[in-house]
Amino acid sequence: MIEEERITLADLLVGDSADLFERIRARQHQPVGTSRDTLIADVSGSITKGCMVWAPPDRPVAEIVTELYGS
């Protein structure tokens, strides 16, 4: 995937959940008020690392997001 596709996917996975958005902000160590675009870019980077470095190649992206930002 190219970067734009990864960011679009991250945005879709985050959706409109305020709770998830706050967990992302906290786990990315970003201050309150950080823009959605910045946080989505952070999520995209974490997903990329999760897929390329930590996870087995057949692991679903949604599972990686849940592991990173689940409650």
PDB file of N, CA and C in Angstrom:
ATOM      1  N   MET A   1       0.839  -1.187   0.000  1.00  0.00           N
ATOM      2  CA  MET A   1       0.000   0.000   0.000  1.00  0.00           C
ATOM      3  C   MET A   1       0.877   1.241   0.000  1.00  0.00           C
ATOM      4  N   ILE A   2       0.411   2.239  -0.707  1.00  0.00           N
ATOM      5  CA  ILE A   2       1.120   3.515  -0.650  1.00  0.00           C
ATOM      6  C   ILE A   2       0.651   4.270   0.592  1.00  0.00           C
ATOM      7  N   GLU A   3       1.397   5.294   0.954  1.00  0.00           N
ATOM      8  CA  GLU A   3       1.110   6.021   2.194  1.00  0.00           C
ATOM      9  C   GLU A   3      -0.323   6.539   2.248  1.00  0.00           C
ATOM     10  N   GLU A   4      -0.808   7.096   1.166  1.00  0.00           N
ATOM     11  CA  GLU A   4      -2.171   7.636   1.154  1.00  0.00           C
ATOM     12  C   GLU A   4      -3.197   6.538   1.445  1.00  0.00           C
ATOM     13  N   GLU A   5      -2.988   5.362   0.896  1.00  0.00           N
ATOM     14  CA  GLU A   5      -3.896   4.236   1.151  1.00  0.00           C
ATOM     15  C   GLU A   5      -3.830   3.798   2.610  1.00  0.00           C
ATOM     16  N   ARG A   6      -2.635   3.805   3.185  1.00  0.00           N
ATOM     17  CA  ARG A   6      -2.498   3.437   4.596  1.00  0.00           C
ATOM     18  C   ARG A   6      -3.208   4.437   5.495  1.00  0.00           C
ATOM     19  N   ILE A   7      -3.092   5.715   5.180  1.00  0.00           N
ATOM     20  CA  ILE A   7      -3.763   6.749   5.974  1.00  0.00           C
ATOM     21  C   ILE A   7      -5.279   6.621   5.836  1.00  0.00           C
ATOM     22  N   THR A   8      -5.758   6.361   4.641  1.00  0.00           N
ATOM     23  CA  THR A   8      -7.200   6.174   4.435  1.00  0.00           C
ATOM     24  C   THR A   8      -7.703   4.982   5.241  1.00  0.00           C
ATOM     25  N   LEU A   9      -6.970   3.885   5.217  1.00  0.00           N
ATOM     26  CA  LEU A   9      -7.348   2.703   5.981  1.00  0.00           C
ATOM     27  C   LEU A   9      -7.357   3.014   7.474  1.00  0.00           C
ATOM     28  N   ALA A  10      -6.337   3.688   7.965  1.00  0.00           N
ATOM     29  CA  ALA A  10      -6.276   4.054   9.381  1.00  0.00           C
ATOM     30  C   ALA A  10      -7.484   4.910   9.759  1.00  0.00           C
ATOM     31  N   ASP A  11      -7.839   5.862   8.910  1.00  0.00           N
ATOM     32  CA  ASP A  11      -8.987   6.730   9.170  1.00  0.00           C
ATOM     33  C   ASP A  11     -10.274   5.903   9.248  1.00  0.00           C
ATOM     34  N   LEU A  12     -10.433   4.948   8.344  1.00  0.00           N
ATOM     35  CA  LEU A  12     -11.624   4.092   8.358  1.00  0.00           C
ATOM     36  C   LEU A  12     -11.668   3.225   9.617  1.00  0.00           C
ATOM     37  N   LEU A  13     -10.535   2.710  10.029  1.00  0.00           N
ATOM     38  CA  LEU A  13     -10.495   1.858  11.214  1.00  0.00           C
ATOM     39  C   LEU A  13     -10.795   2.640  12.488  1.00  0.00           C
ATOM     40  N   VAL A  14     -10.345   3.875  12.563  1.00  0.00           N
ATOM     41  CA  VAL A  14     -10.602   4.702  13.749  1.00  0.00           C
ATOM     42  C   VAL A  14     -12.069   5.116  13.784  1.00  0.00           C
ATOM     43  N   GLY A  15     -12.613   5.466  12.633  1.00  0.00           N
ATOM     44  CA  GLY A  15     -14.027   5.845  12.568  1.00  0.00           C
ATOM     45  C   GLY A  15     -14.334   7.075  13.398  1.00  0.00           C
ATOM     46  N   ASP A  16     -15.515   7.078  13.990  1.00  0.00           N
ATOM     47  CA  ASP A  16     -15.985   8.238  14.754  1.00  0.00           C
ATOM     48  C   ASP A  16     -15.980   8.011  16.260  1.00  0.00           C
ATOM     49  N   SER A  17     -15.298   6.994  16.719  1.00  0.00           N
ATOM     50  CA  SER A  17     -15.304   6.663  18.136  1.00  0.00           C
ATOM     51  C   SER A  17     -14.439   7.647  18.932  1.00  0.00           C
ATOM     52  N   ALA A  18     -15.093   8.464  19.757  1.00  0.00           N
ATOM     53  CA  ALA A  18     -14.360   9.422  20.600  1.00  0.00           C
ATOM     54  C   ALA A  18     -13.481   8.681  21.605  1.00  0.00           C
ATOM     55  N   ASP A  19     -13.969   7.551  22.117  1.00  0.00           N
ATOM     56  CA  ASP A  19     -13.206   6.767  23.085  1.00  0.00           C
ATOM     57  C   ASP A  19     -11.923   6.215  22.456  1.00  0.00           C
ATOM     58  N   LEU A  20     -12.055   5.643  21.284  1.00  0.00           N
ATOM     59  CA  LEU A  20     -10.884   5.120  20.578  1.00  0.00           C
ATOM     60  C   LEU A  20      -9.923   6.246  20.234  1.00  0.00           C
ATOM     61  N   PHE A  21     -10.459   7.357  19.776  1.00  0.00           N
ATOM     62  CA  PHE A  21      -9.635   8.503  19.423  1.00  0.00           C
ATOM     63  C   PHE A  21      -8.813   8.963  20.640  1.00  0.00           C
ATOM     64  N   GLU A  22      -9.437   8.997  21.815  1.00  0.00           N
ATOM     65  CA  GLU A  22      -8.726   9.403  23.035  1.00  0.00           C
ATOM     66  C   GLU A  22      -7.656   8.385  23.410  1.00  0.00           C
ATOM     67  N   ARG A  23      -7.949   7.089  23.266  1.00  0.00           N
ATOM     68  CA  ARG A  23      -6.927   6.065  23.559  1.00  0.00           C
ATOM     69  C   ARG A  23      -5.740   6.208  22.617  1.00  0.00           C
ATOM     70  N   ILE A  24      -6.021   6.493  21.366  1.00  0.00           N
ATOM     71  CA  ILE A  24      -4.945   6.689  20.390  1.00  0.00           C
ATOM     72  C   ILE A  24      -4.088   7.876  20.801  1.00  0.00           C
ATOM     73  N   ARG A  25      -4.737   8.984  21.137  1.00  0.00           N
ATOM     74  CA  ARG A  25      -4.001  10.191  21.530  1.00  0.00           C
ATOM     75  C   ARG A  25      -3.087   9.896  22.709  1.00  0.00           C
ATOM     76  N   ALA A  26      -3.628   9.213  23.708  1.00  0.00           N
ATOM     77  CA  ALA A  26      -2.850   8.908  24.906  1.00  0.00           C
ATOM     78  C   ALA A  26      -1.697   7.949  24.598  1.00  0.00           C
ATOM     79  N   ARG A  27      -1.963   6.907  23.835  1.00  0.00           N
ATOM     80  CA  ARG A  27      -0.924   5.913  23.543  1.00  0.00           C
ATOM     81  C   ARG A  27       0.135   6.429  22.573  1.00  0.00           C
ATOM     82  N   GLN A  28      -0.218   7.453  21.809  1.00  0.00           N
ATOM     83  CA  GLN A  28       0.768   8.071  20.923  1.00  0.00           C
ATOM     84  C   GLN A  28       1.508   9.211  21.639  1.00  0.00           C
ATOM     85  N   HIS A  29       1.165   9.441  22.905  1.00  0.00           N
ATOM     86  CA  HIS A  29       1.809  10.472  23.728  1.00  0.00           C
ATOM     87  C   HIS A  29       1.661  11.862  23.101  1.00  0.00           C
ATOM     88  N   GLN A  30       0.475  12.118  22.573  1.00  0.00           N
ATOM     89  CA  GLN A  30       0.187  13.416  21.963  1.00  0.00           C
ATOM     90  C   GLN A  30      -0.625  14.242  22.957  1.00  0.00           C
ATOM     91  N   PRO A  31      -0.465  15.565  22.946  1.00  0.00           N
ATOM     92  CA  PRO A  31      -1.216  16.414  23.872  1.00  0.00           C
ATOM     93  C   PRO A  31      -2.696  16.507  23.489  1.00  0.00           C
ATOM     94  N   VAL A  32      -3.507  16.844  24.482  1.00  0.00           N
ATOM     95  CA  VAL A  32      -4.922  17.104  24.230  1.00  0.00           C
ATOM     96  C   VAL A  32      -5.025  18.182  23.159  1.00  0.00           C
ATOM     97  N   GLY A  33      -5.927  17.999  22.236  1.00  0.00           N
ATOM     98  CA  GLY A  33      -6.103  18.972  21.160  1.00  0.00           C
ATOM     99  C   GLY A  33      -5.331  18.639  19.894  1.00  0.00           C
ATOM    100  N   THR A  34      -4.590  17.533  19.904  1.00  0.00           N
ATOM    101  CA  THR A  34      -3.869  17.122  18.701  1.00  0.00           C
ATOM    102  C   THR A  34      -4.877  16.872  17.590  1.00  0.00           C
ATOM    103  N   SER A  35      -4.575  17.329  16.411  1.00  0.00           N
ATOM    104  CA  SER A  35      -5.516  17.202  15.296  1.00  0.00           C
ATOM    105  C   SER A  35      -5.740  15.739  14.910  1.00  0.00           C
ATOM    106  N   ARG A  36      -6.915  15.486  14.379  1.00  0.00           N
ATOM    107  CA  ARG A  36      -7.252  14.139  13.895  1.00  0.00           C
ATOM    108  C   ARG A  36      -6.255  13.695  12.827  1.00  0.00           C
ATOM    109  N   ASP A  37      -5.901  14.605  11.913  1.00  0.00           N
ATOM    110  CA  ASP A  37      -4.954  14.249  10.848  1.00  0.00           C
ATOM    111  C   ASP A  37      -3.626  13.751  11.416  1.00  0.00           C
ATOM    112  N   THR A  38      -3.144  14.412  12.445  1.00  0.00           N
ATOM    113  CA  THR A  38      -1.887  14.004  13.068  1.00  0.00           C
ATOM    114  C   THR A  38      -2.016  12.628  13.701  1.00  0.00           C
ATOM    115  N   LEU A  39      -3.119  12.413  14.413  1.00  0.00           N
ATOM    116  CA  LEU A  39      -3.317  11.121  15.065  1.00  0.00           C
ATOM    117  C   LEU A  39      -3.529   9.993  14.056  1.00  0.00           C
ATOM    118  N   ILE A  40      -4.231  10.280  12.981  1.00  0.00           N
ATOM    119  CA  ILE A  40      -4.429   9.256  11.951  1.00  0.00           C
ATOM    120  C   ILE A  40      -3.086   8.903  11.312  1.00  0.00           C
ATOM    121  N   ALA A  41      -2.242   9.896  11.097  1.00  0.00           N
ATOM    122  CA  ALA A  41      -0.901   9.623  10.559  1.00  0.00           C
ATOM    123  C   ALA A  41      -0.104   8.757  11.541  1.00  0.00           C
ATOM    124  N   ASP A  42      -0.254   9.027  12.849  1.00  0.00           N
ATOM    125  CA  ASP A  42       0.414   8.208  13.866  1.00  0.00           C
ATOM    126  C   ASP A  42      -0.088   6.763  13.817  1.00  0.00           C
ATOM    127  N   VAL A  43      -1.413   6.607  13.701  1.00  0.00           N
ATOM    128  CA  VAL A  43      -2.001   5.272  13.612  1.00  0.00           C
ATOM    129  C   VAL A  43      -1.471   4.548  12.373  1.00  0.00           C
ATOM    130  N   SER A  44      -1.439   5.247  11.258  1.00  0.00           N
ATOM    131  CA  SER A  44      -0.928   4.659  10.026  1.00  0.00           C
ATOM    132  C   SER A  44       0.499   4.161  10.209  1.00  0.00           C
ATOM    133  N   GLY A  45       1.324   4.971  10.843  1.00  0.00           N
ATOM    134  CA  GLY A  45       2.706   4.561  11.103  1.00  0.00           C
ATOM    135  C   GLY A  45       2.791   3.348  12.007  1.00  0.00           C
ATOM    136  N   SER A  46       1.934   3.301  13.026  1.00  0.00           N
ATOM    137  CA  SER A  46       1.934   2.159  13.938  1.00  0.00           C
ATOM    138  C   SER A  46       1.455   0.892  13.240  1.00  0.00           C
ATOM    139  N   ILE A  47       0.442   1.032  12.395  1.00  0.00           N
ATOM    140  CA  ILE A  47      -0.041  -0.124  11.640  1.00  0.00           C
ATOM    141  C   ILE A  47       1.069  -0.634  10.722  1.00  0.00           C
ATOM    142  N   THR A  48       1.741   0.283  10.052  1.00  0.00           N
ATOM    143  CA  THR A  48       2.827  -0.112   9.150  1.00  0.00           C
ATOM    144  C   THR A  48       3.902  -0.873   9.915  1.00  0.00           C
ATOM    145  N   LYS A  49       4.298  -0.355  11.068  1.00  0.00           N
ATOM    146  CA  LYS A  49       5.293  -1.044  11.885  1.00  0.00           C
ATOM    147  C   LYS A  49       4.773  -2.397  12.339  1.00  0.00           C
ATOM    148  N   GLY A  50       3.506  -2.426  12.751  1.00  0.00           N
ATOM    149  CA  GLY A  50       2.908  -3.678  13.211  1.00  0.00           C
ATOM    150  C   GLY A  50       2.874  -4.733  12.126  1.00  0.00           C
ATOM    151  N   CYS A  51       2.590  -4.300  10.922  1.00  0.00           N
ATOM    152  CA  CYS A  51       2.505  -5.257   9.808  1.00  0.00           C
ATOM    153  C   CYS A  51       3.885  -5.671   9.307  1.00  0.00           C
ATOM    154  N   MET A  52       4.831  -4.775   9.317  1.00  0.00           N
ATOM    155  CA  MET A  52       6.136  -5.051   8.721  1.00  0.00           C
ATOM    156  C   MET A  52       7.149  -5.599   9.716  1.00  0.00           C
ATOM    157  N   VAL A  53       6.963  -5.283  10.998  1.00  0.00           N
ATOM    158  CA  VAL A  53       7.988  -5.635  11.971  1.00  0.00           C
ATOM    159  C   VAL A  53       7.512  -6.678  12.975  1.00  0.00           C
ATOM    160  N   TRP A  54       6.357  -6.456  13.586  1.00  0.00           N
ATOM    161  CA  TRP A  54       5.963  -7.270  14.730  1.00  0.00           C
ATOM    162  C   TRP A  54       5.063  -8.443  14.392  1.00  0.00           C
ATOM    163  N   ALA A  55       4.199  -8.303  13.433  1.00  0.00           N
ATOM    164  CA  ALA A  55       3.149  -9.301  13.220  1.00  0.00           C
ATOM    165  C   ALA A  55       3.533 -10.326  12.160  1.00  0.00           C
ATOM    166  N   PRO A  56       2.990 -11.533  12.302  1.00  0.00           N
ATOM    167  CA  PRO A  56       3.153 -12.499  11.218  1.00  0.00           C
ATOM    168  C   PRO A  56       2.468 -11.960   9.965  1.00  0.00           C
ATOM    169  N   PRO A  57       2.911 -12.336   8.803  1.00  0.00           N
ATOM    170  CA  PRO A  57       2.391 -11.752   7.565  1.00  0.00           C
ATOM    171  C   PRO A  57       0.904 -11.988   7.313  1.00  0.00           C
ATOM    172  N   ASP A  58       0.312 -12.981   7.916  1.00  0.00           N
ATOM    173  CA  ASP A  58      -1.100 -13.260   7.665  1.00  0.00           C
ATOM    174  C   ASP A  58      -2.026 -12.683   8.736  1.00  0.00           C
ATOM    175  N   ARG A  59      -1.500 -11.873   9.623  1.00  0.00           N
ATOM    176  CA  ARG A  59      -2.303 -11.297  10.704  1.00  0.00           C
ATOM    177  C   ARG A  59      -3.157 -10.145  10.175  1.00  0.00           C
ATOM    178  N   PRO A  60      -4.462 -10.141  10.462  1.00  0.00           N
ATOM    179  CA  PRO A  60      -5.334  -9.061   9.972  1.00  0.00           C
ATOM    180  C   PRO A  60      -4.974  -7.703  10.582  1.00  0.00           C
ATOM    181  N   VAL A  61      -5.063  -6.661   9.774  1.00  0.00           N
ATOM    182  CA  VAL A  61      -4.743  -5.304  10.222  1.00  0.00           C
ATOM    183  C   VAL A  61      -5.649  -4.898  11.381  1.00  0.00           C
ATOM    184  N   ALA A  62      -6.927  -5.227  11.314  1.00  0.00           N
ATOM    185  CA  ALA A  62      -7.854  -4.862  12.391  1.00  0.00           C
ATOM    186  C   ALA A  62      -7.407  -5.454  13.731  1.00  0.00           C
ATOM    187  N   GLU A  63      -6.832  -6.638  13.701  1.00  0.00           N
ATOM    188  CA  GLU A  63      -6.325  -7.276  14.916  1.00  0.00           C
ATOM    189  C   GLU A  63      -5.132  -6.487  15.473  1.00  0.00           C
ATOM    190  N   ILE A  64      -4.286  -5.991  14.615  1.00  0.00           N
ATOM    191  CA  ILE A  64      -3.144  -5.185  15.038  1.00  0.00           C
ATOM    192  C   ILE A  64      -3.635  -3.887  15.683  1.00  0.00           C
ATOM    193  N   VAL A  65      -4.633  -3.248  15.087  1.00  0.00           N
ATOM    194  CA  VAL A  65      -5.188  -2.009  15.642  1.00  0.00           C
ATOM    195  C   VAL A  65      -5.793  -2.272  17.007  1.00  0.00           C
ATOM    196  N   THR A  66      -6.514  -3.377  17.155  1.00  0.00           N
ATOM    197  CA  THR A  66      -7.100  -3.716  18.446  1.00  0.00           C
ATOM    198  C   THR A  66      -6.019  -3.922  19.487  1.00  0.00           C
ATOM    199  N   GLU A  67      -4.944  -4.585  19.104  1.00  0.00           N
ATOM    200  CA  GLU A  67      -3.847  -4.794  20.041  1.00  0.00           C
ATOM    201  C   GLU A  67      -3.192  -3.473  20.449  1.00  0.00           C
ATOM    202  N   LEU A  68      -3.019  -2.580  19.488  1.00  0.00           N
ATOM    203  CA  LEU A  68      -2.386  -1.295  19.765  1.00  0.00           C
ATOM    204  C   LEU A  68      -3.265  -0.361  20.599  1.00  0.00           C
ATOM    205  N   TYR A  69      -4.545  -0.312  20.284  1.00  0.00           N
ATOM    206  CA  TYR A  69      -5.405   0.727  20.852  1.00  0.00           C
ATOM    207  C   TYR A  69      -6.640   0.204  21.571  1.00  0.00           C
ATOM    208  N   GLY A  70      -6.757  -1.119  21.719  1.00  0.00           N
ATOM    209  CA  GLY A  70      -7.906  -1.685  22.408  1.00  0.00           C
ATOM    210  C   GLY A  70      -7.927  -1.275  23.868  1.00  0.00           C
ATOM    211  N   SER A  71      -9.063  -1.437  24.454  1.00  0.00           N
ATOM    212  CA  SER A  71      -9.214  -1.013  25.866  1.00  0.00           C
ATOM    213  C   SER A  71      -8.575  -1.963  26.841  1.00  0.00           C
TER     214      SER A  71
END
